[in-house]
Amino acid sequence: MAKTPEAKVKDKVKKQLKEMGAYYFMPIGGPYAAAGVPDIVGCYESIFFGIECKAGNNKPTVLQQKNLDNIEQNGGIALVINEQNVQDVTSLLKRGIG
């Protein structure tokens, strides 16, 4: 079965996070899960991050954006990644830490 464009973005993000040695996980959605949580959350060099993966011109929902804003307001790094900037995950995280 072919992967969706968003799944391909997630795979590329995870590859970079593994290469960086970042701790990360992908929360499982469902009826008991918190809504709007980023697709990938983790920690790199003592900084919490949340990454929302999108395909094409898709944007975060209002609730997803609220969660990303909350992460930034608490000192973390919040990223929205798509096919256009997926190659920049490593530099975006390191820039946010530096």
Protein backbone atom coordinates (compact mmCIF):
# COMPACT_ATOMS: atom_id res chain seq x y z
CA MET A 1 0.00 0.00 0.00
CA ALA A 2 1.35 3.42 -0.97
CA LYS A 3 2.13 5.91 1.76
CA THR A 4 0.25 9.18 1.96
CA PRO A 5 2.19 12.40 1.31
CA GLU A 6 1.93 13.23 5.03
CA ALA A 7 3.30 9.81 6.00
CA LYS A 8 6.29 10.44 3.72
CA VAL A 9 6.92 13.77 5.49
CA LYS A 10 6.74 12.01 8.88
CA ASP A 11 9.24 9.37 7.72
CA LYS A 12 11.72 12.04 6.62
CA VAL A 13 11.33 13.91 9.92
CA LYS A 14 11.87 10.72 11.95
CA LYS A 15 15.00 9.90 9.92
CA GLN A 16 16.55 13.27 10.77
CA LEU A 17 15.59 12.99 14.44
CA LYS A 18 17.21 9.55 14.63
CA GLU A 19 20.39 10.90 13.00
CA MET A 20 20.46 13.74 15.55
CA GLY A 21 20.02 11.34 18.47
CA ALA A 22 16.85 13.14 19.59
CA TYR A 23 14.33 11.46 21.86
CA TYR A 24 10.91 11.48 20.20
CA PHE A 25 7.64 9.62 19.89
CA MET A 26 4.43 9.80 17.92
CA PRO A 27 1.35 10.01 20.17
CA ILE A 28 -1.39 7.58 19.24
CA GLY A 29 -4.73 9.22 18.48
CA GLY A 30 -8.03 7.83 19.61
CA PRO A 31 -11.10 8.55 21.71
CA TYR A 32 -9.07 8.87 24.93
CA ALA A 33 -6.17 10.85 23.46
CA ALA A 34 -5.74 14.60 23.84
CA ALA A 35 -6.86 16.36 20.68
CA GLY A 36 -4.53 18.62 18.71
CA VAL A 37 -1.27 17.15 20.03
CA PRO A 38 1.54 17.45 17.44
CA ASP A 39 2.31 14.41 15.27
CA ILE A 40 5.80 14.06 16.75
CA VAL A 41 6.91 15.22 20.19
CA GLY A 42 10.26 14.87 21.84
CA CYS A 43 13.31 16.39 23.45
CA TYR A 44 16.66 17.42 22.01
CA GLU A 45 19.48 18.90 24.08
CA SER A 46 17.09 19.52 27.00
CA ILE A 47 14.54 21.36 24.84
CA PHE A 48 11.03 20.00 24.31
CA PHE A 49 9.72 20.12 20.75
CA GLY A 50 6.51 19.42 18.89
CA ILE A 51 6.34 18.86 15.15
CA GLU A 52 3.11 18.98 13.17
CA CYS A 53 3.54 17.28 9.79
CA LYS A 54 1.46 18.41 6.85
CA ALA A 55 1.26 17.63 3.16
CA GLY A 56 1.03 20.21 0.41
CA ASN A 57 -0.51 23.50 1.50
CA ASN A 58 -2.36 22.03 4.48
CA LYS A 59 -2.20 24.14 7.63
CA PRO A 60 -2.60 23.15 11.30
CA THR A 61 -6.13 23.17 12.64
CA VAL A 62 -7.01 25.81 15.22
CA LEU A 63 -6.53 23.27 18.03
CA GLN A 64 -3.22 22.03 16.59
CA GLN A 65 -1.98 25.63 16.33
CA LYS A 66 -3.06 26.30 19.93
CA ASN A 67 -0.95 23.35 21.08
CA LEU A 68 2.03 24.54 19.02
CA ASP A 69 1.64 28.05 20.48
CA ASN A 70 1.49 26.60 24.02
CA ILE A 71 4.74 24.70 23.39
CA GLU A 72 6.50 27.90 22.27
CA GLN A 73 5.06 29.94 25.16
CA ASN A 74 6.61 27.42 27.55
CA GLY A 75 10.08 27.55 26.02
CA GLY A 76 9.80 24.66 23.60
CA ILE A 77 10.21 24.54 19.84
CA ALA A 78 7.11 24.15 17.67
CA LEU A 79 7.45 23.37 13.97
CA VAL A 80 5.07 22.84 11.08
CA ILE A 81 6.84 20.68 8.52
CA ASN A 82 5.79 19.85 4.95
CA GLU A 83 7.50 18.77 1.74
CA GLN A 84 8.98 22.26 1.22
CA ASN A 85 10.88 22.44 4.54
CA VAL A 86 11.23 18.79 5.57
CA GLN A 87 14.95 18.84 4.77
CA ASP A 88 15.40 21.66 7.34
CA VAL A 89 14.26 19.84 10.49
CA THR A 90 17.80 19.41 11.85
CA SER A 91 18.78 23.04 11.26
CA LEU A 92 15.44 24.40 12.56
CA LEU A 93 15.76 22.45 15.81
CA LYS A 94 19.41 23.39 16.29
CA ARG A 95 18.67 27.06 15.51
CA GLY A 96 15.87 27.04 18.08
CA ILE A 97 18.26 25.68 20.70
CA GLY A 98 21.20 27.91 19.86
